[in-house]
Full PDB file with SEQRES, HELIX, SHEET, SSBOND, CRYST1, ORIGX, SCALE, CONECT and MASTER records, all heavy atoms in Angstrom:
SEQRES   1 A   35  PRO ALA ASP ASP PHE ARG PHE THR LEU LEU ASP ARG GLY          
SEQRES   2 A   35  GLY ASP GLN VAL ALA LEU GLN SER VAL ASN TYR PRO ASP          
SEQRES   3 A   35  ARG CYS LEU ARG HIS GLN ASP PHE ARG                          
HELIX    1 AA1 ALA A    2  PHE A    5  5                                   4    
SHEET    1 AA1 2 PHE A   7  ASP A  11  0                                        
SHEET    2 AA1 2 VAL A  17  SER A  21 -1                                        
CRYST1    1.000    1.000    1.000  90.00  90.00  90.00 P 1           1          
ORIGX1      1.000000  0.000000  0.000000        0.00000                         
ORIGX2      0.000000  1.000000  0.000000        0.00000                         
ORIGX3      0.000000  0.000000  1.000000        0.00000                         
SCALE1      1.000000  0.000000  0.000000        0.00000                         
SCALE2      0.000000  1.000000  0.000000        0.00000                         
SCALE3      0.000000  0.000000  1.000000        0.00000                         
ATOM      1  N   PRO A   1     -47.034   3.169  70.286  1.00  0.00           N  
ATOM      2  CA  PRO A   1     -47.538   1.884  70.762  1.00  0.00           C  
ATOM      3  C   PRO A   1     -46.522   1.050  71.446  1.00  0.00           C  
ATOM      4  O   PRO A   1     -45.358   0.988  70.994  1.00  0.00           O  
ATOM      5  CB  PRO A   1     -48.032   1.212  69.465  1.00  0.00           C  
ATOM      6  CG  PRO A   1     -47.189   1.819  68.384  1.00  0.00           C  
ATOM      7  CD  PRO A   1     -46.924   3.238  68.780  1.00  0.00           C  
ATOM      8  N   ALA A   2     -46.865   0.429  72.560  1.00  0.00           N  
ATOM      9  CA  ALA A   2     -45.886  -0.291  73.386  1.00  0.00           C  
ATOM     10  C   ALA A   2     -45.254  -1.450  72.649  1.00  0.00           C  
ATOM     11  O   ALA A   2     -44.081  -1.811  72.914  1.00  0.00           O  
ATOM     12  CB  ALA A   2     -46.612  -0.825  74.651  1.00  0.00           C  
ATOM     13  N   ASP A   3     -45.975  -2.012  71.661  1.00  0.00           N  
ATOM     14  CA  ASP A   3     -45.373  -3.182  70.946  1.00  0.00           C  
ATOM     15  C   ASP A   3     -44.234  -2.776  70.013  1.00  0.00           C  
ATOM     16  O   ASP A   3     -43.535  -3.629  69.472  1.00  0.00           O  
ATOM     17  CB  ASP A   3     -46.480  -3.912  70.152  1.00  0.00           C  
ATOM     18  CG  ASP A   3     -47.291  -4.823  71.054  1.00  0.00           C  
ATOM     19  OD1 ASP A   3     -46.798  -5.100  72.215  1.00  0.00           O  
ATOM     20  OD2 ASP A   3     -48.389  -5.246  70.677  1.00  0.00           O  
ATOM     21  N   ASP A   4     -44.051  -1.486  69.757  1.00  0.00           N  
ATOM     22  CA  ASP A   4     -42.864  -1.080  68.987  1.00  0.00           C  
ATOM     23  C   ASP A   4     -41.586  -1.429  69.720  1.00  0.00           C  
ATOM     24  O   ASP A   4     -40.488  -1.435  69.128  1.00  0.00           O  
ATOM     25  CB  ASP A   4     -42.886   0.452  68.762  1.00  0.00           C  
ATOM     26  CG  ASP A   4     -43.889   0.883  67.654  1.00  0.00           C  
ATOM     27  OD1 ASP A   4     -44.561  -0.026  67.133  1.00  0.00           O  
ATOM     28  OD2 ASP A   4     -43.985   2.092  67.421  1.00  0.00           O  
ATOM     29  N   PHE A   5     -41.647  -1.679  71.023  1.00  0.00           N  
ATOM     30  CA  PHE A   5     -40.489  -1.915  71.887  1.00  0.00           C  
ATOM     31  C   PHE A   5     -40.320  -3.436  72.112  1.00  0.00           C  
ATOM     32  O   PHE A   5     -39.331  -3.836  72.780  1.00  0.00           O  
ATOM     33  CB  PHE A   5     -40.614  -1.222  73.224  1.00  0.00           C  
ATOM     34  CG  PHE A   5     -40.626   0.249  73.132  1.00  0.00           C  
ATOM     35  CD1 PHE A   5     -41.790   0.964  72.841  1.00  0.00           C  
ATOM     36  CD2 PHE A   5     -39.453   0.996  73.391  1.00  0.00           C  
ATOM     37  CE1 PHE A   5     -41.787   2.346  72.755  1.00  0.00           C  
ATOM     38  CE2 PHE A   5     -39.457   2.405  73.318  1.00  0.00           C  
ATOM     39  CZ  PHE A   5     -40.663   3.093  73.001  1.00  0.00           C  
ATOM     40  N   ARG A   6     -41.198  -4.268  71.610  1.00  0.00           N  
ATOM     41  CA  ARG A   6     -41.156  -5.699  71.945  1.00  0.00           C  
ATOM     42  C   ARG A   6     -40.800  -6.508  70.750  1.00  0.00           C  
ATOM     43  O   ARG A   6     -41.289  -6.254  69.627  1.00  0.00           O  
ATOM     44  CB  ARG A   6     -42.498  -6.156  72.508  1.00  0.00           C  
ATOM     45  CG  ARG A   6     -43.003  -5.344  73.754  1.00  0.00           C  
ATOM     46  CD  ARG A   6     -44.131  -6.042  74.431  1.00  0.00           C  
ATOM     47  NE  ARG A   6     -43.701  -7.247  75.069  1.00  0.00           N  
ATOM     48  CZ  ARG A   6     -43.236  -7.314  76.335  1.00  0.00           C  
ATOM     49  NH1 ARG A   6     -43.182  -6.219  77.034  1.00  0.00           N  
ATOM     50  NH2 ARG A   6     -42.824  -8.459  76.851  1.00  0.00           N  
ATOM     51  N   PHE A   7     -40.018  -7.554  70.999  1.00  0.00           N  
ATOM     52  CA  PHE A   7     -39.500  -8.388  69.933  1.00  0.00           C  
ATOM     53  C   PHE A   7     -39.519  -9.877  70.387  1.00  0.00           C  
ATOM     54  O   PHE A   7     -39.337 -10.187  71.553  1.00  0.00           O  
ATOM     55  CB  PHE A   7     -38.041  -8.041  69.530  1.00  0.00           C  
ATOM     56  CG  PHE A   7     -37.955  -6.648  69.000  1.00  0.00           C  
ATOM     57  CD1 PHE A   7     -37.760  -5.569  69.846  1.00  0.00           C  
ATOM     58  CD2 PHE A   7     -38.102  -6.377  67.657  1.00  0.00           C  
ATOM     59  CE1 PHE A   7     -37.633  -4.264  69.418  1.00  0.00           C  
ATOM     60  CE2 PHE A   7     -38.002  -5.064  67.159  1.00  0.00           C  
ATOM     61  CZ  PHE A   7     -37.790  -4.038  68.034  1.00  0.00           C  
ATOM     62  N   THR A   8     -39.786 -10.738  69.394  1.00  0.00           N  
ATOM     63  CA  THR A   8     -39.644 -12.180  69.626  1.00  0.00           C  
ATOM     64  C   THR A   8     -38.343 -12.620  69.115  1.00  0.00           C  
ATOM     65  O   THR A   8     -37.959 -12.266  68.036  1.00  0.00           O  
ATOM     66  CB  THR A   8     -40.844 -12.922  68.924  1.00  0.00           C  
ATOM     67  OG1 THR A   8     -42.075 -12.442  69.410  1.00  0.00           O  
ATOM     68  CG2 THR A   8     -40.696 -14.425  69.175  1.00  0.00           C  
ATOM     69  N   LEU A   9     -37.607 -13.426  69.865  1.00  0.00           N  
ATOM     70  CA  LEU A   9     -36.313 -13.940  69.418  1.00  0.00           C  
ATOM     71  C   LEU A   9     -36.510 -15.232  68.621  1.00  0.00           C  
ATOM     72  O   LEU A   9     -36.861 -16.263  69.169  1.00  0.00           O  
ATOM     73  CB  LEU A   9     -35.378 -14.191  70.590  1.00  0.00           C  
ATOM     74  CG  LEU A   9     -34.977 -12.960  71.421  1.00  0.00           C  
ATOM     75  CD1 LEU A   9     -34.013 -13.363  72.520  1.00  0.00           C  
ATOM     76  CD2 LEU A   9     -34.347 -11.888  70.534  1.00  0.00           C  
ATOM     77  N   LEU A  10     -36.316 -15.138  67.339  1.00  0.00           N  
ATOM     78  CA  LEU A  10     -36.423 -16.316  66.457  1.00  0.00           C  
ATOM     79  C   LEU A  10     -35.106 -17.064  66.447  1.00  0.00           C  
ATOM     80  O   LEU A  10     -33.981 -16.446  66.317  1.00  0.00           O  
ATOM     81  CB  LEU A  10     -36.720 -15.864  65.031  1.00  0.00           C  
ATOM     82  CG  LEU A  10     -38.038 -15.083  64.796  1.00  0.00           C  
ATOM     83  CD1 LEU A  10     -38.236 -14.752  63.297  1.00  0.00           C  
ATOM     84  CD2 LEU A  10     -39.238 -15.805  65.366  1.00  0.00           C  
ATOM     85  N   ASP A  11     -35.201 -18.368  66.657  1.00  0.00           N  
ATOM     86  CA  ASP A  11     -33.967 -19.231  66.681  1.00  0.00           C  
ATOM     87  C   ASP A  11     -33.389 -19.385  65.299  1.00  0.00           C  
ATOM     88  O   ASP A  11     -34.099 -19.904  64.408  1.00  0.00           O  
ATOM     89  CB  ASP A  11     -34.367 -20.555  67.281  1.00  0.00           C  
ATOM     90  CG  ASP A  11     -33.197 -21.476  67.543  1.00  0.00           C  
ATOM     91  OD1 ASP A  11     -32.060 -21.045  67.166  1.00  0.00           O  
ATOM     92  OD2 ASP A  11     -33.392 -22.590  67.986  1.00  0.00           O  
ATOM     93  N   ARG A  12     -32.146 -18.946  65.114  1.00  0.00           N  
ATOM     94  CA  ARG A  12     -31.464 -19.117  63.860  1.00  0.00           C  
ATOM     95  C   ARG A  12     -30.296 -20.123  63.955  1.00  0.00           C  
ATOM     96  O   ARG A  12     -29.421 -20.176  63.152  1.00  0.00           O  
ATOM     97  CB  ARG A  12     -30.950 -17.734  63.341  1.00  0.00           C  
ATOM     98  CG  ARG A  12     -32.088 -16.746  62.900  1.00  0.00           C  
ATOM     99  CD  ARG A  12     -32.547 -17.037  61.544  1.00  0.00           C  
ATOM    100  NE  ARG A  12     -33.685 -16.218  61.082  1.00  0.00           N  
ATOM    101  CZ  ARG A  12     -33.649 -15.008  60.572  1.00  0.00           C  
ATOM    102  NH1 ARG A  12     -32.396 -14.420  60.444  1.00  0.00           N  
ATOM    103  NH2 ARG A  12     -34.737 -14.383  60.155  1.00  0.00           N  
ATOM    104  N   GLY A  13     -30.288 -20.897  65.042  1.00  0.00           N  
ATOM    105  CA  GLY A  13     -29.292 -21.952  65.231  1.00  0.00           C  
ATOM    106  C   GLY A  13     -28.165 -21.471  66.140  1.00  0.00           C  
ATOM    107  O   GLY A  13     -27.631 -20.358  65.999  1.00  0.00           O  
ATOM    108  N   GLY A  14     -27.806 -22.336  67.105  1.00  0.00           N  
ATOM    109  CA  GLY A  14     -26.741 -21.978  68.067  1.00  0.00           C  
ATOM    110  C   GLY A  14     -27.128 -20.825  68.881  1.00  0.00           C  
ATOM    111  O   GLY A  14     -28.245 -20.744  69.425  1.00  0.00           O  
ATOM    112  N   ASP A  15     -26.246 -19.814  68.993  1.00  0.00           N  
ATOM    113  CA  ASP A  15     -26.541 -18.621  69.704  1.00  0.00           C  
ATOM    114  C   ASP A  15     -27.077 -17.523  68.773  1.00  0.00           C  
ATOM    115  O   ASP A  15     -27.154 -16.336  69.187  1.00  0.00           O  
ATOM    116  CB  ASP A  15     -25.285 -18.080  70.454  1.00  0.00           C  
ATOM    117  CG  ASP A  15     -24.174 -17.652  69.500  1.00  0.00           C  
ATOM    118  OD1 ASP A  15     -24.314 -17.848  68.229  1.00  0.00           O  
ATOM    119  OD2 ASP A  15     -23.152 -17.117  69.951  1.00  0.00           O  
ATOM    120  N   GLN A  16     -27.488 -17.903  67.590  1.00  0.00           N  
ATOM    121  CA  GLN A  16     -27.965 -16.910  66.566  1.00  0.00           C  
ATOM    122  C   GLN A  16     -29.462 -16.714  66.680  1.00  0.00           C  
ATOM    123  O   GLN A  16     -30.236 -17.658  66.813  1.00  0.00           O  
ATOM    124  CB  GLN A  16     -27.578 -17.378  65.177  1.00  0.00           C  
ATOM    125  CG  GLN A  16     -26.070 -17.492  64.939  1.00  0.00           C  
ATOM    126  CD  GLN A  16     -25.780 -17.951  63.516  1.00  0.00           C  
ATOM    127  OE1 GLN A  16     -25.038 -17.293  62.797  1.00  0.00           O  
ATOM    128  NE2 GLN A  16     -26.317 -19.062  63.148  1.00  0.00           N  
ATOM    129  N   VAL A  17     -29.880 -15.457  66.597  1.00  0.00           N  
ATOM    130  CA  VAL A  17     -31.267 -15.099  66.724  1.00  0.00           C  
ATOM    131  C   VAL A  17     -31.610 -14.026  65.699  1.00  0.00           C  
ATOM    132  O   VAL A  17     -30.719 -13.342  65.160  1.00  0.00           O  
ATOM    133  CB  VAL A  17     -31.610 -14.565  68.134  1.00  0.00           C  
ATOM    134  CG1 VAL A  17     -31.420 -15.678  69.166  1.00  0.00           C  
ATOM    135  CG2 VAL A  17     -30.868 -13.336  68.466  1.00  0.00           C  
ATOM    136  N   ALA A  18     -32.919 -13.871  65.489  1.00  0.00           N  
ATOM    137  CA  ALA A  18     -33.419 -12.660  64.729  1.00  0.00           C  
ATOM    138  C   ALA A  18     -34.453 -11.998  65.622  1.00  0.00           C  
ATOM    139  O   ALA A  18     -35.129 -12.672  66.431  1.00  0.00           O  
ATOM    140  CB  ALA A  18     -34.077 -13.078  63.440  1.00  0.00           C  
ATOM    141  N   LEU A  19     -34.490 -10.677  65.619  1.00  0.00           N  
ATOM    142  CA  LEU A  19     -35.418  -9.900  66.423  1.00  0.00           C  
ATOM    143  C   LEU A  19     -36.669  -9.589  65.601  1.00  0.00           C  
ATOM    144  O   LEU A  19     -36.677  -8.664  64.727  1.00  0.00           O  
ATOM    145  CB  LEU A  19     -34.762  -8.606  66.891  1.00  0.00           C  
ATOM    146  CG  LEU A  19     -33.914  -8.742  68.184  1.00  0.00           C  
ATOM    147  CD1 LEU A  19     -32.654  -9.525  67.929  1.00  0.00           C  
ATOM    148  CD2 LEU A  19     -33.580  -7.346  68.751  1.00  0.00           C  
ATOM    149  N   GLN A  20     -37.713 -10.400  65.789  1.00  0.00           N  
ATOM    150  CA  GLN A  20     -38.964 -10.281  65.031  1.00  0.00           C  
ATOM    151  C   GLN A  20     -39.864  -9.288  65.716  1.00  0.00           C  
ATOM    152  O   GLN A  20     -40.088  -9.377  66.941  1.00  0.00           O  
ATOM    153  CB  GLN A  20     -39.656 -11.648  64.924  1.00  0.00           C  
ATOM    154  CG  GLN A  20     -40.990 -11.626  64.202  1.00  0.00           C  
ATOM    155  CD  GLN A  20     -41.731 -12.921  64.358  1.00  0.00           C  
ATOM    156  OE1 GLN A  20     -41.850 -13.407  65.466  1.00  0.00           O  
ATOM    157  NE2 GLN A  20     -42.184 -13.508  63.257  1.00  0.00           N  
ATOM    158  N   SER A  21     -40.370  -8.350  65.043  1.00  0.00           N  
ATOM    159  CA  SER A  21     -41.284  -7.332  65.557  1.00  0.00           C  
ATOM    160  C   SER A  21     -42.596  -8.049  66.035  1.00  0.00           C  
ATOM    161  O   SER A  21     -43.132  -8.925  65.363  1.00  0.00           O  
ATOM    162  CB  SER A  21     -41.634  -6.310  64.475  1.00  0.00           C  
ATOM    163  OG  SER A  21     -42.701  -5.500  64.912  1.00  0.00           O  
ATOM    164  N   VAL A  22     -43.098  -7.634  67.224  1.00  0.00           N  
ATOM    165  CA  VAL A  22     -44.347  -8.177  67.755  1.00  0.00           C  
ATOM    166  C   VAL A  22     -45.525  -7.690  66.948  1.00  0.00           C  
ATOM    167  O   VAL A  22     -46.456  -8.393  66.598  1.00  0.00           O  
ATOM    168  CB  VAL A  22     -44.492  -7.842  69.221  1.00  0.00           C  
ATOM    169  CG1 VAL A  22     -45.929  -8.104  69.713  1.00  0.00           C  
ATOM    170  CG2 VAL A  22     -43.528  -8.756  70.045  1.00  0.00           C  
ATOM    171  N   ASN A  23     -45.491  -6.368  66.591  1.00  0.00           N  
ATOM    172  CA  ASN A  23     -46.670  -5.812  65.933  1.00  0.00           C  
ATOM    173  C   ASN A  23     -46.538  -5.846  64.414  1.00  0.00           C  
ATOM    174  O   ASN A  23     -47.488  -5.542  63.687  1.00  0.00           O  
ATOM    175  CB  ASN A  23     -47.015  -4.413  66.413  1.00  0.00           C  
ATOM    176  CG  ASN A  23     -45.846  -3.462  66.484  1.00  0.00           C  
ATOM    177  OD1 ASN A  23     -44.680  -3.878  66.216  1.00  0.00           O  
ATOM    178  ND2 ASN A  23     -46.065  -2.202  66.808  1.00  0.00           N  
ATOM    179  N   TYR A  24     -45.384  -6.214  63.847  1.00  0.00           N  
ATOM    180  CA  TYR A  24     -45.239  -6.439  62.410  1.00  0.00           C  
ATOM    181  C   TYR A  24     -44.456  -7.733  62.248  1.00  0.00           C  
ATOM    182  O   TYR A  24     -43.272  -7.793  61.969  1.00  0.00           O  
ATOM    183  CB  TYR A  24     -44.483  -5.295  61.743  1.00  0.00           C  
ATOM    184  CG  TYR A  24     -45.214  -3.998  61.780  1.00  0.00           C  
ATOM    185  CD1 TYR A  24     -45.026  -3.084  62.806  1.00  0.00           C  
ATOM    186  CD2 TYR A  24     -46.183  -3.712  60.860  1.00  0.00           C  
ATOM    187  CE1 TYR A  24     -45.702  -1.863  62.888  1.00  0.00           C  
ATOM    188  CE2 TYR A  24     -46.921  -2.520  60.902  1.00  0.00           C  
ATOM    189  CZ  TYR A  24     -46.692  -1.606  61.911  1.00  0.00           C  
ATOM    190  OH  TYR A  24     -47.361  -0.447  61.930  1.00  0.00           O  
ATOM    191  N   PRO A  25     -45.159  -8.882  62.571  1.00  0.00           N  
ATOM    192  CA  PRO A  25     -44.415 -10.158  62.622  1.00  0.00           C  
ATOM    193  C   PRO A  25     -43.813 -10.661  61.329  1.00  0.00           C  
ATOM    194  O   PRO A  25     -43.118 -11.675  61.348  1.00  0.00           O  
ATOM    195  CB  PRO A  25     -45.527 -11.108  63.148  1.00  0.00           C  
ATOM    196  CG  PRO A  25     -46.823 -10.499  62.805  1.00  0.00           C  
ATOM    197  CD  PRO A  25     -46.565  -9.015  62.849  1.00  0.00           C  
ATOM    198  N   ASP A  26     -44.140 -10.037  60.216  1.00  0.00           N  
ATOM    199  CA  ASP A  26     -43.466 -10.345  58.934  1.00  0.00           C  
ATOM    200  C   ASP A  26     -42.139  -9.619  58.753  1.00  0.00           C  
ATOM    201  O   ASP A  26     -41.517  -9.738  57.731  1.00  0.00           O  
ATOM    202  CB  ASP A  26     -44.370 -10.107  57.763  1.00  0.00           C  
ATOM    203  CG  ASP A  26     -44.802  -8.627  57.669  1.00  0.00           C  
ATOM    204  OD1 ASP A  26     -44.781  -7.964  58.710  1.00  0.00           O  
ATOM    205  OD2 ASP A  26     -45.194  -8.226  56.572  1.00  0.00           O  
ATOM    206  N   ARG A  27     -41.712  -8.845  59.759  1.00  0.00           N  
ATOM    207  CA  ARG A  27     -40.518  -7.995  59.694  1.00  0.00           C  
ATOM    208  C   ARG A  27     -39.600  -8.252  60.856  1.00  0.00           C  
ATOM    209  O   ARG A  27     -40.038  -8.514  61.986  1.00  0.00           O  
ATOM    210  CB  ARG A  27     -40.868  -6.502  59.599  1.00  0.00           C  
ATOM    211  CG  ARG A  27     -41.675  -6.112  58.357  1.00  0.00           C  
ATOM    212  CD  ARG A  27     -42.201  -4.683  58.443  1.00  0.00           C  
ATOM    213  NE  ARG A  27     -42.898  -4.296  57.240  1.00  0.00           N  
ATOM    214  CZ  ARG A  27     -42.498  -3.421  56.323  1.00  0.00           C  
ATOM    215  NH1 ARG A  27     -41.290  -2.852  56.452  1.00  0.00           N  
ATOM    216  NH2 ARG A  27     -43.234  -3.138  55.267  1.00  0.00           N  
ATOM    217  N   CYS A  28     -38.324  -8.159  60.612  1.00  0.00           N  
ATOM    218  CA  CYS A  28     -37.308  -8.268  61.648  1.00  0.00           C  
ATOM    219  C   CYS A  28     -36.322  -7.084  61.547  1.00  0.00           C  
ATOM    220  O   CYS A  28     -36.233  -6.420  60.501  1.00  0.00           O  
ATOM    221  CB  CYS A  28     -36.502  -9.569  61.474  1.00  0.00           C  
ATOM    222  SG  CYS A  28     -37.424 -11.090  61.734  1.00  0.00           S  
ATOM    223  N   LEU A  29     -35.591  -6.832  62.673  1.00  0.00           N  
ATOM    224  CA  LEU A  29     -34.534  -5.855  62.601  1.00  0.00           C  
ATOM    225  C   LEU A  29     -33.409  -6.389  61.715  1.00  0.00           C  
ATOM    226  O   LEU A  29     -33.030  -7.562  61.929  1.00  0.00           O  
ATOM    227  CB  LEU A  29     -34.007  -5.517  63.989  1.00  0.00           C  
ATOM    228  CG  LEU A  29     -34.950  -4.743  64.911  1.00  0.00           C  
ATOM    229  CD1 LEU A  29     -34.248  -4.465  66.242  1.00  0.00           C  
ATOM    230  CD2 LEU A  29     -35.423  -3.421  64.293  1.00  0.00           C  
ATOM    231  N   ARG A  30     -32.900  -5.609  60.810  1.00  0.00           N  
ATOM    232  CA  ARG A  30     -31.800  -6.079  59.970  1.00  0.00           C  
ATOM    233  C   ARG A  30     -30.919  -4.805  59.730  1.00  0.00           C  
ATOM    234  O   ARG A  30     -31.339  -3.644  59.948  1.00  0.00           O  
ATOM    235  CB  ARG A  30     -32.247  -6.645  58.665  1.00  0.00           C  
ATOM    236  CG  ARG A  30     -33.136  -5.783  57.751  1.00  0.00           C  
ATOM    237  CD  ARG A  30     -32.320  -4.980  56.701  1.00  0.00           C  
ATOM    238  NE  ARG A  30     -31.493  -5.755  55.861  1.00  0.00           N  
ATOM    239  CZ  ARG A  30     -31.818  -6.139  54.605  1.00  0.00           C  
ATOM    240  NH1 ARG A  30     -33.067  -5.922  54.137  1.00  0.00           N  
ATOM    241  NH2 ARG A  30     -30.963  -6.786  53.898  1.00  0.00           N  
ATOM    242  N   HIS A  31     -29.677  -5.042  59.310  1.00  0.00           N  
ATOM    243  CA  HIS A  31     -28.842  -3.905  58.967  1.00  0.00           C  
ATOM    244  C   HIS A  31     -28.832  -3.784  57.481  1.00  0.00           C  
ATOM    245  O   HIS A  31     -28.889  -4.735  56.697  1.00  0.00           O  
ATOM    246  CB  HIS A  31     -27.395  -4.069  59.496  1.00  0.00           C  
ATOM    247  CG  HIS A  31     -26.666  -5.228  58.903  1.00  0.00           C  
ATOM    248  ND1 HIS A  31     -26.033  -5.191  57.684  1.00  0.00           N  
ATOM    249  CD2 HIS A  31     -26.426  -6.449  59.374  1.00  0.00           C  
ATOM    250  CE1 HIS A  31     -25.465  -6.324  57.414  1.00  0.00           C  
ATOM    251  NE2 HIS A  31     -25.663  -7.142  58.446  1.00  0.00           N  
ATOM    252  N   GLN A  32     -28.799  -2.566  57.009  1.00  0.00           N  
ATOM    253  CA  GLN A  32     -28.698  -2.237  55.577  1.00  0.00           C  
ATOM    254  C   GLN A  32     -27.901  -0.947  55.471  1.00  0.00           C  
ATOM    255  O   GLN A  32     -28.324   0.103  56.009  1.00  0.00           O  
ATOM    256  CB  GLN A  32     -30.099  -2.094  54.965  1.00  0.00           C  
ATOM    257  CG  GLN A  32     -30.114  -1.967  53.433  1.00  0.00           C  
ATOM    258  CD  GLN A  32     -31.487  -1.918  52.908  1.00  0.00           C  
ATOM    259  OE1 GLN A  32     -32.244  -0.979  53.215  1.00  0.00           O  
ATOM    260  NE2 GLN A  32     -31.827  -2.883  52.053  1.00  0.00           N  
ATOM    261  N   ASP A  33     -26.768  -0.988  54.788  1.00  0.00           N  
ATOM    262  CA  ASP A  33     -25.832   0.119  54.744  1.00  0.00           C  
ATOM    263  C   ASP A  33     -25.446   0.539  56.147  1.00  0.00           C  
ATOM    264  O   ASP A  33     -25.257   1.724  56.496  1.00  0.00           O  
ATOM    265  CB  ASP A  33     -26.453   1.344  54.023  1.00  0.00           C  
ATOM    266  CG  ASP A  33     -26.766   0.982  52.517  1.00  0.00           C  
ATOM    267  OD1 ASP A  33     -25.958   0.209  51.959  1.00  0.00           O  
ATOM    268  OD2 ASP A  33     -27.757   1.491  52.019  1.00  0.00           O  
ATOM    269  N   PHE A  34     -25.387  -0.476  57.050  1.00  0.00           N  
ATOM    270  CA  PHE A  34     -24.958  -0.341  58.432  1.00  0.00           C  
ATOM    271  C   PHE A  34     -25.954   0.511  59.283  1.00  0.00           C  
ATOM    272  O   PHE A  34     -25.656   0.864  60.392  1.00  0.00           O  
ATOM    273  CB  PHE A  34     -23.554   0.209  58.563  1.00  0.00           C  
ATOM    274  CG  PHE A  34     -22.545  -0.627  57.877  1.00  0.00           C  
ATOM    275  CD1 PHE A  34     -21.787  -0.114  56.848  1.00  0.00           C  
ATOM    276  CD2 PHE A  34     -22.368  -1.970  58.239  1.00  0.00           C  
ATOM    277  CE1 PHE A  34     -20.829  -0.941  56.210  1.00  0.00           C  
ATOM    278  CE2 PHE A  34     -21.465  -2.781  57.586  1.00  0.00           C  
ATOM    279  CZ  PHE A  34     -20.670  -2.314  56.552  1.00  0.00           C  
ATOM    280  N   ARG A  35     -27.154   0.729  58.768  1.00  0.00           N  
ATOM    281  CA  ARG A  35     -28.202   1.330  59.564  1.00  0.00           C  
ATOM    282  C   ARG A  35     -29.193   0.203  59.924  1.00  0.00           C  
ATOM    283  O   ARG A  35     -29.406  -0.739  59.113  1.00  0.00           O  
ATOM    284  CB  ARG A  35     -28.957   2.423  58.739  1.00  0.00           C  
ATOM    285  CG  ARG A  35     -30.056   3.139  59.437  1.00  0.00           C  
ATOM    286  CD  ARG A  35     -29.519   4.191  60.416  1.00  0.00           C  
ATOM    287  NE  ARG A  35     -30.559   5.140  60.833  1.00  0.00           N  
ATOM    288  CZ  ARG A  35     -31.350   4.970  61.902  1.00  0.00           C  
ATOM    289  NH1 ARG A  35     -31.241   3.883  62.625  1.00  0.00           N  
ATOM    290  NH2 ARG A  35     -32.215   5.884  62.201  1.00  0.00           N  
TER     291      ARG A  35                                                      
MASTER        0    0    0    1    2    0    0    6  290    1    0    3          
END                                                                             
C-alpha cells in the first residue's frame, strides 16, 4: 500500500519532529535496540 511510504511530521518543538504513519496514525517510527 502506498501509505506505507507516507508520514506526517509531528511537531516536537524546535527542529524536532516525529514521523507518524499515515495508515497507522497511532504509531510513529522509533528506534529500539538501534533498529
